[in-house]
Amino acid sequence: MSLINRFRNAVRRGAPYNNLNYVSKYSTSCNERQNDPNNSIRKSVFISQSTDVFTNLALEDWFYKNYNFTNHHLLLLWRNDPCIVIGRHQNPWIEHNTQIAEKRGIVLARRNSGGGTVYHDNGNLNLSFFTPRERYNRKYNLEIITRALYREWGLKADINKREDIVVEEKYKVSFHISGTAAKLGRPNAYHHCTLLVDVNKTALNLALERTQDNIETNATASMRSPIKNLIDVNRHIRMDKLITAVGWEYLRTKALVLEDGGQDLIQRQKGFQYINPTEDWFPGLNKLISEFSSWEWNYGKTPKFTVTRVLDVPTQDNKVHRFNLTLEIQNGIIEEIKMRLPVGLVTNDFSQDASVITNLRGTRYDHEVIENIIAAIGCKTVTLSTSENVNKNNMIATQ
């Protein structure tokens, strides 16, 4: 049985849409429809029944690598249990508080697209729009979302210059309700974004708190933006209704232009389909899940970086000398550990830079490693300056 036939056998239709009886003013004759390239493309809304971030990222990657979108565009909707999702070229030790995340059971996942870091939980809706590369249109996808919000709840949302969806408060402060990123390849492409519906903002702020500011790297850095849940903008918005509204808006809009096809177009689409992301449905999916959940992918793909601490070391004559301790990390592995010794402790015949001999070289880096080194050599970390306390409530690092 083909994959699409399995999907059809598993169909569970979404709830009736409020405007389903709407007769589109764009309705055309049979001859006009035959000549319109939009009519050769069908659309589906797939809804993942998994809430595991690694499974959903693998499912997204499976479609990207295996599906033919020439005559079938796809919107994949998915939700995750609490997790931090970083961009392909980011450093996890910079982007989130690893200790808080571990204590709260918030897993870290690296996605295949670029962009910044986001927090997911079941109050966050993920949307992945799949098309062939030549039909990739990020603005079109975002307009689908803003139209659905306006059609269903009269909520006016805008698309800013960074192509995030924002809402405006009375003091003209933009609050982000969506982050966005993309993967462009051949022959396929996808654009994915998030909608903050009822996210746990306390958990978000704690998990995305940056704790290591002594890292030097060329990794992509996230941009912090103020965020707001949709439920805070309109208390009537609920996740199940949002899924239905966005799905129907996607199905009723022509494939290549932002034109409403109404009921006539909806009836020619493939509709809503709940899918079970398993190996039986998607051969090869388990291998992708294993890759996305591996240390080698989530941490080992981190671009090269260095971690430096300024330390004070007391001597027997009651003097205190200050030096730098630096770790060089490649692919998440400690390659080198160096000390830059004070001038007073080094003769002219020797370099100030000394390599530390330790069995930690060649091991995986984590937030405890450097603390263990400092404790072992009996030094004290020096804080050279203190930054002002910043109110980080309602802040997020956006894609």
Protein backbone atom coordinates (compact mmCIF):
# COMPACT_ATOMS: atom_id res chain seq x y z
CA MET A 1 0.00 0.00 0.00
CA SER A 2 1.40 3.41 -0.95
CA LEU A 3 2.18 6.02 1.66
CA ILE A 4 -0.57 8.37 0.51
CA ASN A 5 -3.11 5.53 0.67
CA ARG A 6 -2.07 4.88 4.26
CA PHE A 7 -2.67 8.57 4.96
CA ARG A 8 -6.10 8.41 3.37
CA ASN A 9 -7.05 5.37 5.41
CA ALA A 10 -6.05 7.24 8.58
CA VAL A 11 -7.98 10.44 7.81
CA ARG A 12 -9.80 12.13 10.62
CA ARG A 13 -11.48 15.27 9.35
CA GLY A 14 -11.03 18.55 11.21
CA ALA A 15 -13.92 20.46 12.82
CA PRO A 16 -16.28 22.35 10.42
CA TYR A 17 -14.98 25.78 9.53
CA ASN A 18 -17.17 28.77 10.32
CA ASN A 19 -17.03 30.12 6.77
CA LEU A 20 -17.30 26.83 4.90
CA ASN A 21 -20.51 27.93 3.23
CA TYR A 22 -18.78 31.02 1.85
CA VAL A 23 -19.07 31.31 -1.95
CA SER A 24 -15.83 32.71 -3.30
CA LYS A 25 -15.92 35.72 -5.58
CA TYR A 26 -12.94 34.14 -7.29
CA SER A 27 -14.94 31.13 -8.53
CA THR A 28 -14.18 30.52 -12.19
CA SER A 29 -15.44 28.49 -15.12
CA CYS A 30 -14.15 24.98 -15.90
CA ASN A 31 -12.09 26.27 -18.85
CA GLU A 32 -10.44 28.95 -16.72
CA ARG A 33 -9.63 26.42 -14.02
CA GLN A 34 -7.99 24.08 -16.53
CA ASN A 35 -5.66 26.86 -17.70
CA ASP A 36 -4.73 27.98 -14.19
CA PRO A 37 -1.45 26.36 -12.97
CA ASN A 38 -2.78 26.65 -9.40
CA ASN A 39 -5.32 23.95 -10.19
CA SER A 40 -2.77 21.22 -10.87
CA ILE A 41 -1.48 21.50 -7.29
CA ARG A 42 -3.33 19.89 -4.41
CA LYS A 43 -2.77 20.70 -0.75
CA SER A 44 -2.81 18.68 2.47
CA VAL A 45 -2.65 19.58 6.15
CA PHE A 46 -0.84 16.85 8.08
CA ILE A 47 -1.02 16.87 11.89
CA SER A 48 1.62 14.89 13.77
CA GLN A 49 0.35 12.80 16.66
CA SER A 50 3.80 12.80 18.32
CA THR A 51 4.93 15.38 20.89
CA ASP A 52 8.56 14.23 20.90
CA VAL A 53 10.81 16.91 19.42
CA PHE A 54 13.30 14.46 17.91
CA THR A 55 10.52 12.49 16.23
CA ASN A 56 8.93 15.63 14.82
CA LEU A 57 12.24 17.04 13.56
CA ALA A 58 12.95 13.66 11.95
CA LEU A 59 9.48 13.63 10.37
CA GLU A 60 10.04 17.10 8.95
CA ASP A 61 13.41 15.98 7.56
CA TRP A 62 11.85 12.80 6.12
CA PHE A 63 9.35 14.82 4.07
CA TYR A 64 12.11 17.20 2.95
CA LYS A 65 14.29 14.33 1.72
CA ASN A 66 11.73 11.87 0.38
CA TYR A 67 8.51 13.55 -0.75
CA ASN A 68 7.56 14.85 -4.19
CA PHE A 69 5.89 18.25 -3.81
CA THR A 70 5.55 18.98 -7.53
CA ASN A 71 1.76 18.60 -7.51
CA HIS A 72 1.15 18.33 -3.77
CA HIS A 73 2.01 21.11 -1.32
CA LEU A 74 2.01 20.28 2.36
CA LEU A 75 1.50 22.04 5.69
CA LEU A 76 2.74 19.98 8.66
CA LEU A 77 1.47 21.00 12.10
CA TRP A 78 3.22 19.67 15.19
CA ARG A 79 3.62 20.30 18.91
CA ASN A 80 6.37 19.30 21.34
CA ASP A 81 6.83 18.53 24.99
CA PRO A 82 9.09 21.12 26.73
CA CYS A 83 12.34 21.54 24.81
CA ILE A 84 14.91 24.04 23.56
CA VAL A 85 15.43 24.06 19.79
CA ILE A 86 18.59 25.72 18.49
CA GLY A 87 19.52 26.61 14.92
CA ARG A 88 21.87 24.45 12.85
CA HIS A 89 24.88 26.77 13.34
CA GLN A 90 24.43 27.75 16.99
CA ASN A 91 26.28 27.11 20.25
CA PRO A 92 24.00 25.47 22.87
CA TRP A 93 26.16 26.58 25.81
CA ILE A 94 25.55 30.22 24.83
CA GLU A 95 21.91 29.97 23.84
CA HIS A 96 20.36 28.38 26.92
CA ASN A 97 20.87 27.67 30.61
CA THR A 98 21.96 24.04 30.49
CA GLN A 99 21.71 23.52 34.25
CA ILE A 100 18.15 24.87 34.52
CA ALA A 101 17.07 22.93 31.47
CA GLU A 102 18.47 19.66 32.84
CA LYS A 103 16.82 20.16 36.23
CA ARG A 104 13.45 20.82 34.59
CA GLY A 105 13.74 17.94 32.16
CA ILE A 106 13.80 20.29 29.15
CA VAL A 107 15.67 18.55 26.33
CA LEU A 108 17.91 20.27 23.80
CA ALA A 109 17.46 19.69 20.06
CA ARG A 110 19.32 21.10 17.05
CA ARG A 111 17.17 21.57 13.95
CA ASN A 112 18.37 21.37 10.36
CA SER A 113 17.59 24.99 9.48
CA GLY A 114 19.47 28.12 10.45
CA GLY A 115 18.27 30.98 12.63
CA GLY A 116 17.98 31.40 16.38
CA THR A 117 16.87 29.53 19.48
CA VAL A 118 13.27 28.95 20.54
CA TYR A 119 11.50 27.30 23.45
CA HIS A 120 8.72 24.79 22.71
CA ASP A 121 6.04 23.24 24.85
CA ASN A 122 2.46 22.11 24.20
CA GLY A 123 1.34 25.75 24.18
CA ASN A 124 3.44 26.32 21.05
CA LEU A 125 2.25 25.40 17.55
CA ASN A 126 4.90 24.55 14.94
CA LEU A 127 4.08 24.96 11.26
CA SER A 128 6.20 23.58 8.39
CA PHE A 129 5.31 24.64 4.83
CA PHE A 130 6.71 22.31 2.14
CA THR A 131 7.05 23.14 -1.56
CA PRO A 132 9.53 22.59 -4.38
CA ARG A 133 12.49 24.99 -4.08
CA GLU A 134 11.35 27.17 -6.98
CA ARG A 135 7.99 27.80 -5.26
CA TYR A 136 9.42 28.69 -1.86
CA ASN A 137 7.58 31.80 -0.62
CA ARG A 138 8.00 32.72 3.02
CA LYS A 139 5.80 35.81 2.84
CA TYR A 140 2.94 33.74 1.36
CA ASN A 141 3.13 31.31 4.29
CA LEU A 142 3.11 34.04 6.91
CA GLU A 143 0.16 35.72 5.22
CA ILE A 144 -1.79 32.45 5.55
CA ILE A 145 -1.31 32.66 9.32
CA THR A 146 -2.18 36.35 9.68
CA ARG A 147 -5.30 35.88 7.50
CA ALA A 148 -6.43 32.97 9.65
CA LEU A 149 -6.03 35.03 12.83
CA TYR A 150 -8.02 37.88 11.33
CA ARG A 151 -10.73 35.73 9.75
CA GLU A 152 -11.39 33.71 12.90
CA TRP A 153 -10.83 36.26 15.69
CA GLY A 154 -10.49 39.66 14.03
CA LEU A 155 -6.91 39.80 15.36
CA LYS A 156 -4.66 42.06 13.30
CA ALA A 157 -1.08 40.80 13.11
CA ASP A 158 1.73 42.17 10.95
CA ILE A 159 4.83 40.73 9.31
CA ASN A 160 7.93 42.73 10.22
CA LYS A 161 11.16 43.25 8.28
CA ARG A 162 12.70 40.11 9.82
CA GLU A 163 9.61 38.21 8.68
CA ASP A 164 8.35 37.47 12.17
CA ILE A 165 4.66 37.83 13.01
CA VAL A 166 4.05 40.63 15.52
CA VAL A 167 1.09 42.29 17.22
CA GLU A 168 0.98 45.94 18.28
CA GLU A 169 -0.03 47.10 21.73
CA LYS A 170 -1.46 50.55 22.46
CA TYR A 171 2.03 51.94 23.18
CA LYS A 172 3.24 50.69 19.80
CA VAL A 173 5.53 48.04 21.28
CA SER A 174 5.86 45.09 18.94
CA PHE A 175 5.36 41.70 20.55
CA HIS A 176 6.52 38.67 18.62
CA ILE A 177 4.11 35.75 18.46
CA SER A 178 6.10 33.84 15.86
CA GLY A 179 9.70 33.02 14.97
CA THR A 180 10.66 31.82 11.49
CA ALA A 181 13.42 29.88 9.68
CA ALA A 182 13.88 27.83 6.49
CA LYS A 183 15.74 24.99 4.77
CA LEU A 184 16.35 25.46 1.05
CA GLY A 185 17.66 22.55 -0.99
CA ARG A 186 17.09 20.70 -4.24
CA PRO A 187 14.48 19.79 -5.22
CA ASN A 188 12.57 20.61 -2.03
CA ALA A 189 12.36 23.43 0.49
CA TYR A 190 10.49 24.13 3.67
CA HIS A 191 9.75 27.16 5.79
CA HIS A 192 8.83 26.62 9.40
CA CYS A 193 7.68 28.94 12.12
CA THR A 194 6.14 28.89 15.58
CA LEU A 195 3.00 30.41 17.05
CA LEU A 196 3.03 31.17 20.76
CA VAL A 197 -0.47 30.27 21.89
CA ASP A 198 -0.21 29.55 25.62
CA VAL A 199 3.49 28.91 26.26
CA ASN A 200 4.82 28.69 29.84
CA LYS A 201 6.72 31.99 29.81
CA THR A 202 8.34 31.38 33.20
CA ALA A 203 9.93 28.16 31.94
CA LEU A 204 10.86 29.90 28.70
CA ASN A 205 12.67 32.75 30.47
CA LEU A 206 14.55 30.43 32.81
CA ALA A 207 15.59 27.99 30.10
CA LEU A 208 16.75 30.68 27.66
CA GLU A 209 18.74 32.64 30.24
CA ARG A 210 22.28 33.11 29.01
CA THR A 211 24.86 32.13 31.59
CA GLN A 212 28.17 31.87 29.71
CA ASP A 213 29.33 35.25 28.41
CA ASN A 214 33.01 34.25 28.29
CA ILE A 215 32.74 32.21 25.09
CA GLU A 216 34.28 33.37 21.82
CA THR A 217 32.80 31.87 18.66
CA ASN A 218 31.56 32.59 15.16
CA ALA A 219 28.36 30.63 15.81
CA THR A 220 25.06 32.28 14.90
CA ALA A 221 23.73 34.31 17.83
CA SER A 222 20.04 34.66 18.62
CA MET A 223 18.32 38.04 18.70
CA ARG A 224 16.24 38.67 21.82
CA SER A 225 12.73 39.95 21.18
CA PRO A 226 9.70 40.68 23.36
CA ILE A 227 7.08 37.94 23.11
CA LYS A 228 3.40 37.58 23.86
CA ASN A 229 1.06 34.60 23.90
CA LEU A 230 -1.90 34.75 21.54
CA ILE A 231 -4.18 33.94 24.46
CA ASP A 232 -2.95 37.18 26.10
CA VAL A 233 -4.02 39.11 23.02
CA ASN A 234 -7.38 37.36 22.61
CA ARG A 235 -8.62 35.11 25.43
CA HIS A 236 -10.87 33.18 23.04
CA ILE A 237 -7.95 31.68 21.10
CA ARG A 238 -7.43 27.98 21.79
CA MET A 239 -4.97 25.54 20.26
CA ASP A 240 -7.49 23.18 18.66
CA LYS A 241 -9.41 26.03 17.08
CA LEU A 242 -6.19 27.66 15.87
CA ILE A 243 -5.11 24.43 14.16
CA THR A 244 -8.47 24.27 12.39
CA ALA A 245 -8.41 27.97 11.39
CA VAL A 246 -4.87 27.92 9.98
CA GLY A 247 -5.48 24.60 8.23
CA TRP A 248 -8.64 25.77 6.48
CA GLU A 249 -7.02 29.07 5.50
CA TYR A 250 -4.17 27.12 3.91
CA LEU A 251 -6.55 24.85 2.01
CA ARG A 252 -8.79 27.66 0.74
CA THR A 253 -5.87 29.74 -0.59
CA LYS A 254 -4.53 29.09 -4.08
CA ALA A 255 -1.17 27.35 -4.19
CA LEU A 256 0.84 30.01 -6.02
CA VAL A 257 -0.94 33.29 -5.25
CA LEU A 258 -2.61 34.76 -2.19
CA GLU A 259 -6.08 34.41 -3.64
CA ASP A 260 -9.07 33.00 -1.77
CA GLY A 261 -10.61 30.04 -3.57
CA GLY A 262 -13.34 29.54 -0.99
CA GLN A 263 -15.44 26.38 -0.74
CA ASP A 264 -14.86 25.35 -4.33
CA LEU A 265 -11.10 25.15 -3.79
CA ILE A 266 -11.44 23.46 -0.40
CA GLN A 267 -13.47 20.65 -1.94
CA ARG A 268 -10.67 19.91 -4.42
CA GLN A 269 -7.96 19.64 -1.73
CA LYS A 270 -6.83 16.55 0.15
CA GLY A 271 -7.93 17.96 3.52
CA PHE A 272 -6.75 17.29 7.07
CA GLN A 273 -4.89 14.09 7.90
CA TYR A 274 -3.62 12.95 11.29
CA ILE A 275 -0.41 11.00 10.86
CA ASN A 276 1.47 8.65 13.15
CA PRO A 277 5.24 9.20 12.68
CA THR A 278 6.53 5.64 12.94
CA GLU A 279 8.90 3.46 10.95
CA ASP A 280 5.94 1.57 9.45
CA TRP A 281 4.51 4.74 7.95
CA PHE A 282 7.84 6.35 7.08
CA PRO A 283 10.61 3.83 6.29
CA GLY A 284 13.95 5.19 7.51
CA LEU A 285 12.39 7.45 10.16
CA ASN A 286 14.00 5.62 13.10
CA LYS A 287 17.47 6.31 11.71
CA LEU A 288 16.65 10.01 11.44
CA ILE A 289 15.28 10.07 15.00
CA SER A 290 18.50 8.48 16.24
CA GLU A 291 20.56 11.12 14.44
CA PHE A 292 18.51 14.08 15.71
CA SER A 293 18.63 12.82 19.32
CA SER A 294 22.38 12.08 19.35
CA TRP A 295 25.02 14.03 21.27
CA GLU A 296 27.07 14.18 18.07
CA TRP A 297 24.33 16.21 16.36
CA ASN A 298 23.04 18.40 19.18
CA TYR A 299 26.42 19.25 20.74
CA GLY A 300 29.06 17.87 18.39
CA LYS A 301 27.88 20.07 15.50
CA THR A 302 28.67 23.21 17.49
CA PRO A 303 31.09 25.53 15.61
CA LYS A 304 34.58 25.82 17.15
CA PHE A 305 34.73 28.01 20.25
CA THR A 306 36.93 28.96 23.19
CA VAL A 307 36.00 29.40 26.86
CA THR A 308 38.13 31.75 28.97
CA ARG A 309 38.10 32.37 32.70
CA VAL A 310 40.14 34.93 34.66
CA LEU A 311 41.52 33.33 37.83
CA ASP A 312 43.36 34.44 40.97
CA VAL A 313 45.96 32.07 42.42
CA PRO A 314 47.50 32.70 45.87
CA THR A 315 51.21 32.03 46.45
CA GLN A 316 53.14 31.06 49.57
CA ASP A 317 54.28 34.64 50.13
CA ASN A 318 50.63 35.72 50.45
CA LYS A 319 50.58 37.38 47.06
CA VAL A 320 47.78 36.85 44.51
CA HIS A 321 48.58 36.39 40.84
CA ARG A 322 46.02 36.65 38.09
CA PHE A 323 46.00 34.56 34.91
CA ASN A 324 43.70 33.34 32.13
CA LEU A 325 42.51 29.76 31.74
CA THR A 326 41.35 28.95 28.19
CA LEU A 327 39.70 25.83 26.75
CA GLU A 328 39.60 25.29 22.99
CA ILE A 329 36.59 23.24 21.87
CA GLN A 330 36.17 21.61 18.45
CA ASN A 331 33.06 19.54 17.59
CA GLY A 332 32.10 19.69 21.26
CA ILE A 333 35.40 18.03 22.28
CA ILE A 334 38.11 19.69 24.42
CA GLU A 335 41.16 19.99 22.18
CA GLU A 336 43.42 22.20 24.25
CA ILE A 337 43.62 23.65 27.77
CA LYS A 338 45.96 26.61 28.25
CA MET A 339 47.03 29.01 30.98
CA ARG A 340 48.43 32.45 30.33
CA LEU A 341 50.68 33.01 33.34
CA PRO A 342 51.39 36.40 34.95
CA VAL A 343 54.61 38.17 33.95
CA GLY A 344 55.92 37.97 37.51
CA LEU A 345 55.82 34.18 37.50
CA VAL A 346 57.61 33.67 34.19
CA THR A 347 61.25 34.30 33.36
CA ASN A 348 62.27 35.88 30.09
CA ASP A 349 63.33 32.47 28.78
CA PHE A 350 59.81 31.04 28.88
CA SER A 351 56.52 31.85 27.24
CA GLN A 352 53.60 33.11 29.31
CA ASP A 353 51.39 30.53 27.61
CA ALA A 354 51.49 27.07 29.17
CA SER A 355 49.59 23.96 28.11
CA VAL A 356 47.79 22.18 30.94
CA ILE A 357 48.44 18.46 31.11
CA THR A 358 45.16 16.74 31.98
CA ASN A 359 43.16 13.67 31.05
CA LEU A 360 40.23 15.99 30.24
CA ARG A 361 41.73 16.73 26.84
CA GLY A 362 39.79 14.76 24.24
CA THR A 363 36.63 14.53 26.35
CA ARG A 364 33.21 16.07 25.77
CA TYR A 365 32.78 19.62 27.00
CA ASP A 366 29.96 20.52 29.37
CA HIS A 367 29.28 23.29 31.86
CA GLU A 368 30.93 21.40 34.75
CA VAL A 369 34.29 20.70 33.09
CA ILE A 370 35.87 24.11 33.53
CA GLU A 371 34.59 24.36 37.11
CA ASN A 372 36.26 21.02 37.90
CA ILE A 373 39.56 22.26 36.45
CA ILE A 374 39.41 25.46 38.50
CA ALA A 375 38.65 23.51 41.67
CA ALA A 376 41.48 21.04 40.97
CA ILE A 377 44.15 23.75 40.70
CA GLY A 378 42.83 25.64 43.75
CA CYS A 379 42.06 28.96 42.09
CA LYS A 380 39.24 31.45 42.40
CA THR A 381 37.24 32.81 39.46
CA VAL A 382 37.41 36.59 39.06
CA THR A 383 34.38 38.59 37.95
CA LEU A 384 35.86 41.62 36.22
CA SER A 385 32.62 43.54 35.80
CA THR A 386 28.98 43.20 36.63
CA SER A 387 26.24 43.98 34.16
CA GLU A 388 23.07 45.76 35.11
CA ASN A 389 20.13 43.56 35.95
CA VAL A 390 17.82 43.43 32.97
CA ASN A 391 14.15 42.51 33.19
CA LYS A 392 13.96 39.50 30.89
CA ASN A 393 10.26 38.81 31.36
CA ASN A 394 8.48 38.17 28.06
CA MET A 395 11.74 37.86 26.13
CA ILE A 396 12.63 35.16 23.64
CA ALA A 397 15.49 34.40 21.31
CA THR A 398 13.71 34.20 17.97
CA GLN A 399 14.41 32.05 14.96
